[in-house]
Amino acid sequence: MDNNAAAIKALELYKINAKLCDPHPSKKGTSSAYLENNSKGAHNNSCTDRKMNKKEMQGPRDDFKDVTFLTEDKIYEILELCREKEDYSPLIRVIGRVFSSAEALVQSFRKAKHHTKEELKSLQGKDEDKDEDEKEKAACSAAAMEEDSGASSSSSSRIGDNTQGDNNLQKLGPDEVSVDIEAVRRVYDRLLSNEKIETAFLNALVYLSPNVECDLTYHNVYSRDPNYLNLFIIVMENGNLHSPEYLEMALPLFCKAMSKLPLAAQAKLVRLWSKYRADQIRRMMETFQQLITYKVISNEFNSRNLVNDDDAVVAASKCLKMVYYANVVGGDVDTDHNEEEDEEPIPESSELTLQELLGEERRNKKGPRVDPLETELGVKTIDCRKPLIPFEEFINEPLNDVLEMDKDYTFFKVETENKFSFMTCPFILNAVTKNLGLYYDNRIRMYSERRITVLYSLVQGQQLNPYLRLKVRRDHIIDDALVRLEMIAMENPADLKKQLYVEFEGEQGVDEGGVSKEFFQLVVEEIFNPDIGMFTYDESTKLFWFNPSSFETEGQFTLIGIVLGLAIYNNCILDVHFPMVVYRKLMGKKGTFRDLADSHPEFVNLYADYILNKSVEKQFKAFRRGFHMVTNESPLKYLFRPEEIELLICGSRNLDFQALEETTEYDGGYTRDSLIIREFWEIVHSFTDEQKRLFLQFTTGTDRAPVGGLGKLKMIIAKNGPDTERLPTSHTCFNVLLLPEYSSKEKLKERLLKAITYAKGFGML
């Protein structure tokens, strides 16, 4: 302010009896900021007095050009001077300079060295020889020398030559970092409330990020100095990163730089973040999710403009992966290596030699793909019983809506560096999208098997079947299916990867999906019949478990494993009810006492191992072997968690009948506006949950919804004549409900309830 403006301001303050400012920090011994954030003794306060008095004589500093790295104390010192002058431009300039320089930011906010007991005793012994004045003088001189020389020496130190900082730092373990994270958080809490200072952070990040990306891409900087990771830790503590101002430029640039971190650095960052609280993990997750969503909704992505080509979305997804694994590692993880033992390899197909002759390589010889970061961490998603925040929060629905899954699947299989596949970040995809990727994989595999069959026929001169054909008798369905599938499994397991084509002996009909669906329903119904004795049934949980005393052969357990694999492979859900441990075991984990109870681990661990593993070892290995005969080359294990495998096989327990009504189609004279149809839906919506499940069982053959919900079911209600005493019937293989035009709503409800309640044994066509 000029003199006139200052005089006017003074008069205004005088008129309102404004309070005088607090005494200058030099007259109080220390500033309020120091008192709040530092627990220093009177000895240090005395040093501060003398240094501040010296500065007062020289006049206030307003440029701080010698400050080339920052500490918490230095920030508060500059902040206090800015408050006195009511001018924050010096602090803004310092933040802009330090936060835009990788070298300066890496040196900032370092942890102080913690002396060992022996070092403290040695220092104390030396100090006893000095009187109090000498000690104070020596300490003040050392502090002044450190302040005057520290900054200048820092300015000459570069990444990879941190002699200035490292000499005063404690030695760090492999997973420790040298940055004082709590100090960084306190600084952000103080400064981010000031809009102009926040803008300085924003602008500095825009300038910093491209240089960091260049350092990581071309200069191999992390291998020369692991402390380079500090700048990512510091930036990620900024609680405003997800705000709109950052989304346009600053955050995308930073994500691109962060995505270039080498694998070892990513793993170290994951292990650090895994120690954070759930709310801190959620904040970082929301930061990257916000950027992905913003970019998706502000662009028009389609088959010509793929979201896979958007650098910001791709980089944010890669960064989100680090947060995802921090969420896994920091959760409730099974630390014991309780994996199922590797089975003997499934015999190779006899077509292998022909494939080699034709230049066809066997895909995925080394088994399912594993994420490199997962390998580096030594932790799998399936190891996590309960993450810090639910897995579902990592799914980005707007991204799923615009993802062209056929293209994404191609990028996933080709594995080029130029094209990114979101299937490498399966946590961001919902079950519907992942199921679509699996569908493409299954269909391509089916087409591949057909092509090989045709080529084989040309070479060998034999006419082979390009489909997996099963011809069965209804009254001997298990025996017929078992014999046929056992022969295929022994002679040529690759045939299991052909498209299923079922024919019932003595019946006409082309299998376009409906016959296969009926085959699955009949096989499952017979195999899980308690009278057969393959599985036991728990009335309280409504779940099946393997019968350790079963008289059935291993071949029949192999059959049901094959059936489950074929159901996934041919996109059909089954009326199967297993506990979650079955799906964990299918994914390679052993059952443990955690799957029974959390109490009595002296007893439960042995008991669980017996019940869940040893007692059913023969049966389960055969069952799992059958499943893997179909799915061993599929990305199933890479993409899906055990609970999602259950969703693929059995469908969802979440029943949205409103969605079912919206997608239902009508035939035979009925329309959406027909009176009986309107009354029908009023009745169905009034059903209890149990009645709704019975209705679904009656109409579709299962009481679950397919992947994606009931809206994906495509049910048809067809007119089946005028008013009658006959009950409604259904074609479960085509989800068709045959509904007579009953004369009243009451009769419709009575007939419908009777049909769905007593349908077992009749009415199922």
Foldseek 3Di string as FASTA:
>chain_A
DDPVVVVVVVVVCVVVVHDDDDDDQLVVLHDPQCVVPDDDDSLVSVLVNVVVVVCVVVPDDQAPPLALAEELVVLVVLVSVCVVVVHCVNSLNNLLRQLLDLLRQLLYQFDFADDDPVVVVVVVVVCVVDDPVVVSVVVSVVVVCCVVVLSVVSVPAGQLRPPSRPVGYDDDDLLDAGHDLVSLLVSLVVQVVDPSSVVSNLVSLLNRLVVLLCCLPPVVRCVSPVSSLSSVSSNLSNLCLQPPVNLPGRLLSNLSSVLSHDLSSLLSLLQVLLPDALVSLVSSLVSLLSSLLVVLVVDDFAPVRAPQPDSSNVSSLSVSLSSVSSQQVSAAFDPDPFFDDDDDDQDAFPLQVVCVVVVHDDPPPVWADDQPSCVVNVGDSLRGPGTSDDLQVLARVSNQVRHPLVVLLVCVRVVDPVTHHCLSSLSHHALVSVLVSLQVVLVVLQVVQLVSQVVCCVVVVDRDDSALEFEEELVCLLVRLLVSVVVCSVRGLSNLSHHYWYHYPPDDDGPPQLVLQVSLLSLVVVVPDVVQPQWDADPVVRAIDGRLPHPDDLSSLLSVLLSLLNCSSNQHAYQHGHPLQLLSNLLGGFFALVSPDDPDNVPSRVVRCVRGDVSCPSNSVSSSVSNCSHPRSGNDSVNDHSVSSNCRHHNALDADVVLLLVQEAEEAPDHCPDPQNVLVSVLLVPDDSVLQLLLCCQQAVHSHAHPVHSNPVHAYEYEDEEADLAAWAYANSNSYIHAHHHPDSVSSNVRPSVCSVPVPPHRHD
